[in-house]
PDB file of N, CA and C in Angstrom:
ATOM      1  N   PRO A   1     -21.296   3.801   2.915  1.00  0.00           N
ATOM      2  CA  PRO A   1     -20.511   4.776   2.219  1.00  0.00           C
ATOM      3  C   PRO A   1     -19.589   4.241   1.266  1.00  0.00           C
ATOM      4  N   GLU A   2     -19.332   5.029   0.291  1.00  0.00           N
ATOM      5  CA  GLU A   2     -18.085   4.694  -0.803  1.00  0.00           C
ATOM      6  C   GLU A   2     -16.717   4.489  -0.300  1.00  0.00           C
ATOM      7  N   ARG A   3     -16.221   5.364   0.544  1.00  0.00           N
ATOM      8  CA  ARG A   3     -15.136   5.270   1.251  1.00  0.00           C
ATOM      9  C   ARG A   3     -14.902   3.947   1.984  1.00  0.00           C
ATOM     10  N   PHE A   4     -15.879   3.395   2.798  1.00  0.00           N
ATOM     11  CA  PHE A   4     -15.754   2.283   3.370  1.00  0.00           C
ATOM     12  C   PHE A   4     -15.611   0.918   2.533  1.00  0.00           C
ATOM     13  N   THR A   5     -16.330   0.944   1.252  1.00  0.00           N
ATOM     14  CA  THR A   5     -16.134  -0.052   0.352  1.00  0.00           C
ATOM     15  C   THR A   5     -14.904  -0.177  -0.259  1.00  0.00           C
ATOM     16  N   ASN A   6     -14.431   1.123  -0.756  1.00  0.00           N
ATOM     17  CA  ASN A   6     -12.998   1.359  -1.168  1.00  0.00           C
ATOM     18  C   ASN A   6     -12.133   0.782  -0.401  1.00  0.00           C
ATOM     19  N   ARG A   7     -12.242   1.091   0.902  1.00  0.00           N
ATOM     20  CA  ARG A   7     -11.115   0.634   1.853  1.00  0.00           C
ATOM     21  C   ARG A   7     -10.926  -1.091   1.784  1.00  0.00           C
ATOM     22  N   ILE A   8     -12.279  -1.762   1.935  1.00  0.00           N
ATOM     23  CA  ILE A   8     -12.221  -2.982   1.897  1.00  0.00           C
ATOM     24  C   ILE A   8     -11.559  -3.513   0.748  1.00  0.00           C
ATOM     25  N   GLU A   9     -12.037  -3.082  -0.513  1.00  0.00           N
ATOM     26  CA  GLU A   9     -11.328  -3.471  -1.683  1.00  0.00           C
ATOM     27  C   GLU A   9      -9.826  -3.368  -1.809  1.00  0.00           C
ATOM     28  N   VAL A  10      -9.323  -2.275  -1.201  1.00  0.00           N
ATOM     29  CA  VAL A  10      -8.006  -1.989  -1.044  1.00  0.00           C
ATOM     30  C   VAL A  10      -7.206  -3.033  -0.129  1.00  0.00           C
ATOM     31  N   ALA A  11      -7.938  -3.342   1.053  1.00  0.00           N
ATOM     32  CA  ALA A  11      -7.473  -4.355   1.885  1.00  0.00           C
ATOM     33  C   ALA A  11      -7.459  -5.608   1.347  1.00  0.00           C
ATOM     34  N   GLY A  12      -8.314  -6.068   0.551  1.00  0.00           N
ATOM     35  CA  GLY A  12      -8.422  -7.297  -0.322  1.00  0.00           C
ATOM     36  C   GLY A  12      -7.197  -7.395  -1.308  1.00  0.00           C
ATOM     37  N   LEU A  13      -6.933  -6.343  -1.999  1.00  0.00           N
ATOM     38  CA  LEU A  13      -6.012  -6.308  -2.859  1.00  0.00           C
ATOM     39  C   LEU A  13      -4.536  -6.544  -2.266  1.00  0.00           C
ATOM     40  N   TYR A  14      -4.567  -5.705  -1.171  1.00  0.00           N
ATOM     41  CA  TYR A  14      -3.336  -5.732  -0.507  1.00  0.00           C
ATOM     42  C   TYR A  14      -2.961  -7.155   0.214  1.00  0.00           C
ATOM     43  N   TRP A  15      -3.976  -7.895   0.606  1.00  0.00           N
ATOM     44  CA  TRP A  15      -3.776  -9.407   1.202  1.00  0.00           C
ATOM     45  C   TRP A  15      -3.336 -10.259   0.144  1.00  0.00           C
ATOM     46  N   HIS A  16      -4.093  -9.991  -1.145  1.00  0.00           N
ATOM     47  CA  HIS A  16      -3.672 -10.856  -2.236  1.00  0.00           C
ATOM     48  C   HIS A  16      -2.018 -10.666  -2.773  1.00  0.00           C
ATOM     49  N   PHE A  17      -1.958  -9.255  -2.783  1.00  0.00           N
ATOM     50  CA  PHE A  17      -0.479  -9.103  -2.863  1.00  0.00           C
ATOM     51  C   PHE A  17       0.452  -9.672  -2.092  1.00  0.00           C
ATOM     52  N   VAL A  18       0.231  -9.677  -0.581  1.00  0.00           N
ATOM     53  CA  VAL A  18       0.859 -10.351   0.274  1.00  0.00           C
ATOM     54  C   VAL A  18       1.074 -11.685  -0.009  1.00  0.00           C
ATOM     55  N   ASP A  19      -0.185 -12.505  -0.331  1.00  0.00           N
ATOM     56  CA  ASP A  19      -0.050 -14.002  -0.568  1.00  0.00           C
ATOM     57  C   ASP A  19       1.010 -14.282  -1.761  1.00  0.00           C
ATOM     58  N   LEU A  20       0.761 -13.159  -2.900  1.00  0.00           N
ATOM     59  CA  LEU A  20       1.815 -13.595  -4.010  1.00  0.00           C
ATOM     60  C   LEU A  20       3.170 -13.497  -3.636  1.00  0.00           C
ATOM     61  N   VAL A  21       3.459 -12.371  -2.894  1.00  0.00           N
ATOM     62  CA  VAL A  21       4.813 -12.055  -2.299  1.00  0.00           C
ATOM     63  C   VAL A  21       5.411 -13.374  -1.664  1.00  0.00           C
ATOM     64  N   TRP A  22       4.526 -13.747  -0.927  1.00  0.00           N
ATOM     65  CA  TRP A  22       5.193 -15.186  -0.022  1.00  0.00           C
ATOM     66  C   TRP A  22       5.284 -16.264  -1.022  1.00  0.00           C
ATOM     67  N   ILE A  23       4.165 -16.268  -1.860  1.00  0.00           N
ATOM     68  CA  ILE A  23       4.622 -17.627  -2.776  1.00  0.00           C
ATOM     69  C   ILE A  23       5.815 -17.642  -3.453  1.00  0.00           C
ATOM     70  N   PHE A  24       6.422 -16.397  -3.671  1.00  0.00           N
ATOM     71  CA  PHE A  24       7.585 -16.194  -4.271  1.00  0.00           C
ATOM     72  C   PHE A  24       8.729 -16.298  -3.346  1.00  0.00           C
ATOM     73  N   LEU A  25       8.663 -15.545  -2.272  1.00  0.00           N
ATOM     74  CA  LEU A  25       9.563 -15.408  -1.176  1.00  0.00           C
ATOM     75  C   LEU A  25       9.950 -16.733  -0.576  1.00  0.00           C
ATOM     76  N   PHE A  26       8.918 -17.572  -0.120  1.00  0.00           N
ATOM     77  CA  PHE A  26       9.050 -18.731   0.672  1.00  0.00           C
ATOM     78  C   PHE A  26      10.078 -19.728   0.215  1.00  0.00           C
ATOM     79  N   PRO A  27      10.019 -20.219  -1.107  1.00  0.00           N
ATOM     80  CA  PRO A  27      10.868 -21.029  -1.788  1.00  0.00           C
ATOM     81  C   PRO A  27      12.244 -20.636  -1.980  1.00  0.00           C
ATOM     82  N   ILE A  28      12.380 -19.347  -2.098  1.00  0.00           N
ATOM     83  CA  ILE A  28      13.881 -18.714  -2.309  1.00  0.00           C
ATOM     84  C   ILE A  28      14.368 -18.525  -0.842  1.00  0.00           C
ATOM     85  N   LEU A  29      13.701 -18.227   0.161  1.00  0.00           N
ATOM     86  CA  LEU A  29      14.295 -18.418   1.788  1.00  0.00           C
ATOM     87  C   LEU A  29      14.472 -19.840   1.994  1.00  0.00           C
ATOM     88  N   TYR A  30      13.835 -20.579   1.477  1.00  0.00           N
ATOM     89  CA  TYR A  30      13.875 -22.154   1.847  1.00  0.00           C
ATOM     90  C   TYR A  30      15.183 -22.682   1.120  1.00  0.00           C
ATOM     91  N   LEU A  31      15.478 -22.234  -0.114  1.00  0.00           N
ATOM     92  CA  LEU A  31      16.641 -22.682  -0.879  1.00  0.00           C
ATOM     93  C   LEU A  31      17.854 -22.165  -0.249  1.00  0.00           C
ATOM     94  N   LEU A  32      17.806 -20.937   0.175  1.00  0.00           N
ATOM     95  CA  LEU A  32      18.814 -20.005   0.640  1.00  0.00           C
ATOM     96  C   LEU A  32      19.409 -20.706   2.050  1.00  0.00           C
ATOM     97  N   ASN A  33      18.478 -21.164   2.914  1.00  0.00           N
ATOM     98  CA  ASN A  33      18.903 -21.788   4.027  1.00  0.00           C
ATOM     99  C   ASN A  33      18.943 -23.124   3.996  1.00  0.00           C
TER     100      ASN A  33
END
């Protein structure tokens, strides 16, 4: 079904977004601590 493939694409985009957030957040948290 189209809804199922759409969901997978959204999940993929979400995890890529999470990876990008961590790439920026981790060094900042490391420097602050």
